[in-house]
Amino acid sequence: MDIVLSTLYLGYFLLIFGTLGVVVGPNTKDPLVRLLNVEIPAVGVMLIFLAYNLTLALMTYITINALIALVFIRTIIRKEELEA
C-alpha cells in the first residue's frame, strides 16, 4: 500500500472515530481537554486534504485551524480569570 492511500485511510479513521469520541466520549468539565478532543478529528481532515494533494486547501485549513486554536485558548484563559 502506498503512502498516499495509507494517509487517506488514517485520515478517515481519525475523522470518524475522533468525531465519535467527541460526541459520545467522556463527559469532562475541563475546557482544555475538550479543545484537545476536537483537535483529533481536525487532524483527520488535514490528512484527508494531504492525501488528495490539495495544497491550497491544506494551507488554508492549517492556517484557520491555528487561528481557531489560539482563539479557543484565549477564551479558556479569559473564562478562568473571570471565575477566579
PDB file of N, CA and C in Angstrom:
ATOM      1  N   MET A   1       0.850  -1.167   0.000  1.00  0.00           N
ATOM      2  CA  MET A   1       0.000   0.000   0.000  1.00  0.00           C
ATOM      3  C   MET A   1       0.903   1.239   0.000  1.00  0.00           C
ATOM      4  N   ASP A   2       0.617   2.164  -0.870  1.00  0.00           N
ATOM      5  CA  ASP A   2       1.491   3.334  -0.930  1.00  0.00           C
ATOM      6  C   ASP A   2       1.116   4.348   0.152  1.00  0.00           C
ATOM      7  N   ILE A   3       1.962   5.343   0.298  1.00  0.00           N
ATOM      8  CA  ILE A   3       1.841   6.292   1.409  1.00  0.00           C
ATOM      9  C   ILE A   3       0.597   7.164   1.286  1.00  0.00           C
ATOM     10  N   VAL A   4       0.178   7.474   0.062  1.00  0.00           N
ATOM     11  CA  VAL A   4      -0.996   8.333  -0.118  1.00  0.00           C
ATOM     12  C   VAL A   4      -2.257   7.627   0.359  1.00  0.00           C
ATOM     13  N   LEU A   5      -2.388   6.364  -0.007  1.00  0.00           N
ATOM     14  CA  LEU A   5      -3.563   5.602   0.407  1.00  0.00           C
ATOM     15  C   LEU A   5      -3.563   5.379   1.920  1.00  0.00           C
ATOM     16  N   SER A   6      -2.393   5.150   2.488  1.00  0.00           N
ATOM     17  CA  SER A   6      -2.294   4.997   3.946  1.00  0.00           C
ATOM     18  C   SER A   6      -2.698   6.284   4.660  1.00  0.00           C
ATOM     19  N   THR A   7      -2.255   7.423   4.123  1.00  0.00           N
ATOM     20  CA  THR A   7      -2.608   8.712   4.710  1.00  0.00           C
ATOM     21  C   THR A   7      -4.106   8.957   4.626  1.00  0.00           C
ATOM     22  N   LEU A   8      -4.696   8.590   3.498  1.00  0.00           N
ATOM     23  CA  LEU A   8      -6.133   8.770   3.320  1.00  0.00           C
ATOM     24  C   LEU A   8      -6.922   7.930   4.319  1.00  0.00           C
ATOM     25  N   TYR A   9      -6.563   6.668   4.469  1.00  0.00           N
ATOM     26  CA  TYR A   9      -7.270   5.796   5.406  1.00  0.00           C
ATOM     27  C   TYR A   9      -7.065   6.232   6.855  1.00  0.00           C
ATOM     28  N   LEU A  10      -5.857   6.671   7.189  1.00  0.00           N
ATOM     29  CA  LEU A  10      -5.607   7.173   8.540  1.00  0.00           C
ATOM     30  C   LEU A  10      -6.440   8.425   8.816  1.00  0.00           C
ATOM     31  N   GLY A  11      -6.552   9.294   7.810  1.00  0.00           N
ATOM     32  CA  GLY A  11      -7.387  10.489   7.954  1.00  0.00           C
ATOM     33  C   GLY A  11      -8.845  10.147   8.178  1.00  0.00           C
ATOM     34  N   TYR A  12      -9.368   9.181   7.402  1.00  0.00           N
ATOM     35  CA  TYR A  12     -10.756   8.750   7.593  1.00  0.00           C
ATOM     36  C   TYR A  12     -10.955   8.150   8.983  1.00  0.00           C
ATOM     37  N   PHE A  13      -9.998   7.340   9.414  1.00  0.00           N
ATOM     38  CA  PHE A  13     -10.086   6.709  10.733  1.00  0.00           C
ATOM     39  C   PHE A  13     -10.131   7.760  11.840  1.00  0.00           C
ATOM     40  N   LEU A  14      -9.206   8.726  11.784  1.00  0.00           N
ATOM     41  CA  LEU A  14      -9.175   9.768  12.806  1.00  0.00           C
ATOM     42  C   LEU A  14     -10.426  10.631  12.766  1.00  0.00           C
ATOM     43  N   LEU A  15     -10.922  10.908  11.573  1.00  0.00           N
ATOM     44  CA  LEU A  15     -12.115  11.740  11.452  1.00  0.00           C
ATOM     45  C   LEU A  15     -13.337  11.047  12.040  1.00  0.00           C
ATOM     46  N   ILE A  16     -13.543   9.791  11.680  1.00  0.00           N
ATOM     47  CA  ILE A  16     -14.740   9.072  12.138  1.00  0.00           C
ATOM     48  C   ILE A  16     -14.675   8.789  13.635  1.00  0.00           C
ATOM     49  N   PHE A  17     -13.597   8.155  14.079  1.00  0.00           N
ATOM     50  CA  PHE A  17     -13.521   7.780  15.488  1.00  0.00           C
ATOM     51  C   PHE A  17     -13.242   8.974  16.395  1.00  0.00           C
ATOM     52  N   GLY A  18     -12.565   9.985  15.891  1.00  0.00           N
ATOM     53  CA  GLY A  18     -12.372  11.201  16.681  1.00  0.00           C
ATOM     54  C   GLY A  18     -13.675  11.945  16.899  1.00  0.00           C
ATOM     55  N   THR A  19     -14.508  12.003  15.855  1.00  0.00           N
ATOM     56  CA  THR A  19     -15.812  12.645  15.995  1.00  0.00           C
ATOM     57  C   THR A  19     -16.701  11.869  16.958  1.00  0.00           C
ATOM     58  N   LEU A  20     -16.694  10.547  16.834  1.00  0.00           N
ATOM     59  CA  LEU A  20     -17.472   9.731  17.772  1.00  0.00           C
ATOM     60  C   LEU A  20     -16.961   9.901  19.203  1.00  0.00           C
ATOM     61  N   GLY A  21     -15.657  10.018  19.358  1.00  0.00           N
ATOM     62  CA  GLY A  21     -15.088  10.220  20.686  1.00  0.00           C
ATOM     63  C   GLY A  21     -15.481  11.552  21.294  1.00  0.00           C
ATOM     64  N   VAL A  22     -15.597  12.582  20.460  1.00  0.00           N
ATOM     65  CA  VAL A  22     -16.008  13.890  20.966  1.00  0.00           C
ATOM     66  C   VAL A  22     -17.483  13.868  21.356  1.00  0.00           C
ATOM     67  N   VAL A  23     -18.302  13.225  20.533  1.00  0.00           N
ATOM     68  CA  VAL A  23     -19.746  13.231  20.779  1.00  0.00           C
ATOM     69  C   VAL A  23     -20.129  12.299  21.924  1.00  0.00           C
ATOM     70  N   VAL A  24     -19.605  11.076  21.908  1.00  0.00           N
ATOM     71  CA  VAL A  24     -20.023  10.060  22.866  1.00  0.00           C
ATOM     72  C   VAL A  24     -19.013   9.894  23.994  1.00  0.00           C
ATOM     73  N   GLY A  25     -17.876  10.526  23.883  1.00  0.00           N
ATOM     74  CA  GLY A  25     -16.775  10.310  24.818  1.00  0.00           C
ATOM     75  C   GLY A  25     -17.072  10.737  26.237  1.00  0.00           C
ATOM     76  N   PRO A  26     -16.047  10.730  27.065  1.00  0.00           N
ATOM     77  CA  PRO A  26     -16.253  11.042  28.481  1.00  0.00           C
ATOM     78  C   PRO A  26     -16.703  12.486  28.670  1.00  0.00           C
ATOM     79  N   ASN A  27     -17.591  12.663  29.619  1.00  0.00           N
ATOM     80  CA  ASN A  27     -18.086  13.998  29.931  1.00  0.00           C
ATOM     81  C   ASN A  27     -17.078  14.686  30.846  1.00  0.00           C
ATOM     82  N   THR A  28     -16.383  15.648  30.316  1.00  0.00           N
ATOM     83  CA  THR A  28     -15.359  16.337  31.093  1.00  0.00           C
ATOM     84  C   THR A  28     -15.712  17.811  31.212  1.00  0.00           C
ATOM     85  N   LYS A  29     -15.351  18.394  32.315  1.00  0.00           N
ATOM     86  CA  LYS A  29     -15.615  19.815  32.548  1.00  0.00           C
ATOM     87  C   LYS A  29     -14.422  20.685  32.161  1.00  0.00           C
ATOM     88  N   ASP A  30     -13.270  20.072  31.947  1.00  0.00           N
ATOM     89  CA  ASP A  30     -12.059  20.827  31.633  1.00  0.00           C
ATOM     90  C   ASP A  30     -12.108  21.306  30.187  1.00  0.00           C
ATOM     91  N   PRO A  31     -12.097  22.622  29.944  1.00  0.00           N
ATOM     92  CA  PRO A  31     -12.197  23.123  28.576  1.00  0.00           C
ATOM     93  C   PRO A  31     -10.977  22.781  27.715  1.00  0.00           C
ATOM     94  N   LEU A  32      -9.800  22.660  28.332  1.00  0.00           N
ATOM     95  CA  LEU A  32      -8.612  22.322  27.555  1.00  0.00           C
ATOM     96  C   LEU A  32      -8.698  20.900  27.014  1.00  0.00           C
ATOM     97  N   VAL A  33      -9.241  19.984  27.795  1.00  0.00           N
ATOM     98  CA  VAL A  33      -9.422  18.609  27.327  1.00  0.00           C
ATOM     99  C   VAL A  33     -10.442  18.575  26.198  1.00  0.00           C
ATOM    100  N   ARG A  34     -11.480  19.386  26.300  1.00  0.00           N
ATOM    101  CA  ARG A  34     -12.461  19.466  25.210  1.00  0.00           C
ATOM    102  C   ARG A  34     -11.816  19.977  23.932  1.00  0.00           C
ATOM    103  N   LEU A  35     -10.951  20.976  24.056  1.00  0.00           N
ATOM    104  CA  LEU A  35     -10.256  21.501  22.881  1.00  0.00           C
ATOM    105  C   LEU A  35      -9.383  20.435  22.245  1.00  0.00           C
ATOM    106  N   LEU A  36      -8.662  19.679  23.052  1.00  0.00           N
ATOM    107  CA  LEU A  36      -7.817  18.613  22.512  1.00  0.00           C
ATOM    108  C   LEU A  36      -8.650  17.514  21.871  1.00  0.00           C
ATOM    109  N   ASN A  37      -9.828  17.219  22.424  1.00  0.00           N
ATOM    110  CA  ASN A  37     -10.703  16.224  21.816  1.00  0.00           C
ATOM    111  C   ASN A  37     -11.193  16.669  20.446  1.00  0.00           C
ATOM    112  N   VAL A  38     -11.396  17.949  20.256  1.00  0.00           N
ATOM    113  CA  VAL A  38     -11.847  18.458  18.964  1.00  0.00           C
ATOM    114  C   VAL A  38     -10.702  18.458  17.953  1.00  0.00           C
ATOM    115  N   GLU A  39      -9.475  18.568  18.416  1.00  0.00           N
ATOM    116  CA  GLU A  39      -8.336  18.619  17.504  1.00  0.00           C
ATOM    117  C   GLU A  39      -8.082  17.282  16.803  1.00  0.00           C
ATOM    118  N   ILE A  40      -8.485  16.171  17.384  1.00  0.00           N
ATOM    119  CA  ILE A  40      -8.237  14.862  16.765  1.00  0.00           C
ATOM    120  C   ILE A  40      -8.973  14.720  15.435  1.00  0.00           C
ATOM    121  N   PRO A  41     -10.281  15.024  15.349  1.00  0.00           N
ATOM    122  CA  PRO A  41     -10.921  14.978  14.028  1.00  0.00           C
ATOM    123  C   PRO A  41     -10.350  16.013  13.064  1.00  0.00           C
ATOM    124  N   ALA A  42      -9.868  17.139  13.595  1.00  0.00           N
ATOM    125  CA  ALA A  42      -9.279  18.156  12.729  1.00  0.00           C
ATOM    126  C   ALA A  42      -8.014  17.632  12.051  1.00  0.00           C
ATOM    127  N   VAL A  43      -7.224  16.867  12.770  1.00  0.00           N
ATOM    128  CA  VAL A  43      -6.032  16.255  12.174  1.00  0.00           C
ATOM    129  C   VAL A  43      -6.445  15.244  11.105  1.00  0.00           C
ATOM    130  N   GLY A  44      -7.548  14.531  11.333  1.00  0.00           N
ATOM    131  CA  GLY A  44      -8.051  13.598  10.328  1.00  0.00           C
ATOM    132  C   GLY A  44      -8.422  14.298   9.037  1.00  0.00           C
ATOM    133  N   VAL A  45      -9.099  15.430   9.142  1.00  0.00           N
ATOM    134  CA  VAL A  45      -9.458  16.196   7.943  1.00  0.00           C
ATOM    135  C   VAL A  45      -8.202  16.704   7.244  1.00  0.00           C
ATOM    136  N   MET A  46      -7.213  17.129   8.020  1.00  0.00           N
ATOM    137  CA  MET A  46      -5.971  17.604   7.423  1.00  0.00           C
ATOM    138  C   MET A  46      -5.269  16.491   6.651  1.00  0.00           C
ATOM    139  N   LEU A  47      -5.274  15.272   7.182  1.00  0.00           N
ATOM    140  CA  LEU A  47      -4.647  14.147   6.483  1.00  0.00           C
ATOM    141  C   LEU A  47      -5.403  13.790   5.205  1.00  0.00           C
ATOM    142  N   ILE A  48      -6.721  13.926   5.227  1.00  0.00           N
ATOM    143  CA  ILE A  48      -7.501  13.672   4.012  1.00  0.00           C
ATOM    144  C   ILE A  48      -7.151  14.701   2.950  1.00  0.00           C
ATOM    145  N   PHE A  49      -7.057  15.976   3.330  1.00  0.00           N
ATOM    146  CA  PHE A  49      -6.630  17.006   2.378  1.00  0.00           C
ATOM    147  C   PHE A  49      -5.241  16.695   1.833  1.00  0.00           C
ATOM    148  N   LEU A  50      -4.359  16.246   2.703  1.00  0.00           N
ATOM    149  CA  LEU A  50      -2.993  15.942   2.294  1.00  0.00           C
ATOM    150  C   LEU A  50      -2.960  14.794   1.295  1.00  0.00           C
ATOM    151  N   ALA A  51      -3.819  13.803   1.481  1.00  0.00           N
ATOM    152  CA  ALA A  51      -3.853  12.659   0.567  1.00  0.00           C
ATOM    153  C   ALA A  51      -4.338  13.074  -0.815  1.00  0.00           C
ATOM    154  N   TYR A  52      -5.238  14.027  -0.886  1.00  0.00           N
ATOM    155  CA  TYR A  52      -5.736  14.478  -2.179  1.00  0.00           C
ATOM    156  C   TYR A  52      -4.813  15.499  -2.837  1.00  0.00           C
ATOM    157  N   ASN A  53      -3.767  15.919  -2.106  1.00  0.00           N
ATOM    158  CA  ASN A  53      -2.772  16.851  -2.624  1.00  0.00           C
ATOM    159  C   ASN A  53      -3.383  18.191  -3.021  1.00  0.00           C
ATOM    160  N   LEU A  54      -4.320  18.645  -2.244  1.00  0.00           N
ATOM    161  CA  LEU A  54      -4.900  19.961  -2.460  1.00  0.00           C
ATOM    162  C   LEU A  54      -4.121  20.954  -1.603  1.00  0.00           C
ATOM    163  N   THR A  55      -3.039  21.439  -2.160  1.00  0.00           N
ATOM    164  CA  THR A  55      -2.103  22.248  -1.387  1.00  0.00           C
ATOM    165  C   THR A  55      -2.756  23.516  -0.848  1.00  0.00           C
ATOM    166  N   LEU A  56      -3.511  24.184  -1.678  1.00  0.00           N
ATOM    167  CA  LEU A  56      -4.146  25.418  -1.226  1.00  0.00           C
ATOM    168  C   LEU A  56      -5.154  25.142  -0.113  1.00  0.00           C
ATOM    169  N   ALA A  57      -5.929  24.071  -0.254  1.00  0.00           N
ATOM    170  CA  ALA A  57      -6.894  23.720   0.789  1.00  0.00           C
ATOM    171  C   ALA A  57      -6.178  23.334   2.075  1.00  0.00           C
ATOM    172  N   LEU A  58      -5.076  22.636   1.955  1.00  0.00           N
ATOM    173  CA  LEU A  58      -4.323  22.224   3.137  1.00  0.00           C
ATOM    174  C   LEU A  58      -3.746  23.428   3.874  1.00  0.00           C
ATOM    175  N   MET A  59      -3.139  24.346   3.128  1.00  0.00           N
ATOM    176  CA  MET A  59      -2.565  25.527   3.771  1.00  0.00           C
ATOM    177  C   MET A  59      -3.648  26.379   4.414  1.00  0.00           C
ATOM    178  N   THR A  60      -4.783  26.512   3.739  1.00  0.00           N
ATOM    179  CA  THR A  60      -5.888  27.279   4.303  1.00  0.00           C
ATOM    180  C   THR A  60      -6.401  26.627   5.578  1.00  0.00           C
ATOM    181  N   TYR A  61      -6.548  25.317   5.548  1.00  0.00           N
ATOM    182  CA  TYR A  61      -7.065  24.606   6.713  1.00  0.00           C
ATOM    183  C   TYR A  61      -6.111  24.721   7.901  1.00  0.00           C
ATOM    184  N   ILE A  62      -4.823  24.568   7.657  1.00  0.00           N
ATOM    185  CA  ILE A  62      -3.846  24.667   8.748  1.00  0.00           C
ATOM    186  C   ILE A  62      -3.852  26.072   9.348  1.00  0.00           C
ATOM    187  N   THR A  63      -3.930  27.087   8.503  1.00  0.00           N
ATOM    188  CA  THR A  63      -3.933  28.463   8.991  1.00  0.00           C
ATOM    189  C   THR A  63      -5.165  28.747   9.837  1.00  0.00           C
ATOM    190  N   ILE A  64      -6.323  28.379   9.321  1.00  0.00           N
ATOM    191  CA  ILE A  64      -7.563  28.623  10.054  1.00  0.00           C
ATOM    192  C   ILE A  64      -7.596  27.813  11.344  1.00  0.00           C
ATOM    193  N   ASN A  65      -7.112  26.578  11.289  1.00  0.00           N
ATOM    194  CA  ASN A  65      -7.097  25.733  12.484  1.00  0.00           C
ATOM    195  C   ASN A  65      -6.197  26.337  13.563  1.00  0.00           C
ATOM    196  N   ALA A  66      -5.064  26.871  13.176  1.00  0.00           N
ATOM    197  CA  ALA A  66      -4.164  27.500  14.149  1.00  0.00           C
ATOM    198  C   ALA A  66      -4.802  28.745  14.762  1.00  0.00           C
ATOM    199  N   LEU A  67      -5.460  29.543  13.940  1.00  0.00           N
ATOM    200  CA  LEU A  67      -6.114  30.741  14.462  1.00  0.00           C
ATOM    201  C   LEU A  67      -7.262  30.396  15.405  1.00  0.00           C
ATOM    202  N   ILE A  68      -8.044  29.390  15.048  1.00  0.00           N
ATOM    203  CA  ILE A  68      -9.154  28.988  15.910  1.00  0.00           C
ATOM    204  C   ILE A  68      -8.628  28.438  17.235  1.00  0.00           C
ATOM    205  N   ALA A  69      -7.537  27.686  17.190  1.00  0.00           N
ATOM    206  CA  ALA A  69      -6.954  27.162  18.431  1.00  0.00           C
ATOM    207  C   ALA A  69      -6.492  28.306  19.335  1.00  0.00           C
ATOM    208  N   LEU A  70      -5.887  29.340  18.755  1.00  0.00           N
ATOM    209  CA  LEU A  70      -5.470  30.488  19.561  1.00  0.00           C
ATOM    210  C   LEU A  70      -6.666  31.191  20.195  1.00  0.00           C
ATOM    211  N   VAL A  71      -7.747  31.329  19.431  1.00  0.00           N
ATOM    212  CA  VAL A  71      -8.949  31.967  19.969  1.00  0.00           C
ATOM    213  C   VAL A  71      -9.540  31.128  21.095  1.00  0.00           C
ATOM    214  N   PHE A  72      -9.596  29.798  20.912  1.00  0.00           N
ATOM    215  CA  PHE A  72     -10.126  28.929  21.959  1.00  0.00           C
ATOM    216  C   PHE A  72      -9.286  29.008  23.229  1.00  0.00           C
ATOM    217  N   ILE A  73      -7.976  28.980  23.087  1.00  0.00           N
ATOM    218  CA  ILE A  73      -7.106  29.032  24.263  1.00  0.00           C
ATOM    219  C   ILE A  73      -7.256  30.370  24.977  1.00  0.00           C
ATOM    220  N   ARG A  74      -7.347  31.456  24.218  1.00  0.00           N
ATOM    221  CA  ARG A  74      -7.554  32.776  24.832  1.00  0.00           C
ATOM    222  C   ARG A  74      -8.899  32.834  25.559  1.00  0.00           C
ATOM    223  N   THR A  75      -9.918  32.234  24.963  1.00  0.00           N
ATOM    224  CA  THR A  75     -11.234  32.205  25.603  1.00  0.00           C
ATOM    225  C   THR A  75     -11.200  31.396  26.892  1.00  0.00           C
ATOM    226  N   ILE A  76     -10.505  30.274  26.872  1.00  0.00           N
ATOM    227  CA  ILE A  76     -10.399  29.439  28.071  1.00  0.00           C
ATOM    228  C   ILE A  76      -9.673  30.193  29.180  1.00  0.00           C
ATOM    229  N   ILE A  77      -8.576  30.854  28.845  1.00  0.00           N
ATOM    230  CA  ILE A  77      -7.821  31.614  29.850  1.00  0.00           C
ATOM    231  C   ILE A  77      -8.675  32.755  30.400  1.00  0.00           C
ATOM    232  N   ARG A  78      -9.388  33.430  29.515  1.00  0.00           N
ATOM    233  CA  ARG A  78     -10.247  34.543  29.942  1.00  0.00           C
ATOM    234  C   ARG A  78     -11.354  34.055  30.880  1.00  0.00           C
ATOM    235  N   LYS A  79     -11.938  32.915  30.545  1.00  0.00           N
ATOM    236  CA  LYS A  79     -13.002  32.353  31.384  1.00  0.00           C
ATOM    237  C   LYS A  79     -12.469  31.978  32.759  1.00  0.00           C
ATOM    238  N   GLU A  80     -11.268  31.388  32.801  1.00  0.00           N
ATOM    239  CA  GLU A  80     -10.663  31.021  34.085  1.00  0.00           C
ATOM    240  C   GLU A  80     -10.362  32.262  34.926  1.00  0.00           C
ATOM    241  N   GLU A  81      -9.940  33.356  34.284  1.00  0.00           N
ATOM    242  CA  GLU A  81      -9.659  34.587  35.020  1.00  0.00           C
ATOM    243  C   GLU A  81     -10.937  35.182  35.603  1.00  0.00           C
ATOM    244  N   LEU A  82     -12.033  35.107  34.854  1.00  0.00           N
ATOM    245  CA  LEU A  82     -13.288  35.663  35.341  1.00  0.00           C
ATOM    246  C   LEU A  82     -13.880  34.839  36.476  1.00  0.00           C
ATOM    247  N   GLU A  83     -13.651  33.529  36.461  1.00  0.00           N
ATOM    248  CA  GLU A  83     -14.175  32.673  37.522  1.00  0.00           C
ATOM    249  C   GLU A  83     -13.365  32.793  38.809  1.00  0.00           C
ATOM    250  N   ALA A  84     -12.105  33.183  38.711  1.00  0.00           N
ATOM    251  CA  ALA A  84     -11.243  33.257  39.899  1.00  0.00           C
ATOM    252  C   ALA A  84     -11.480  34.513  40.700  1.00  0.00           C
TER     253      ALA A  84
END
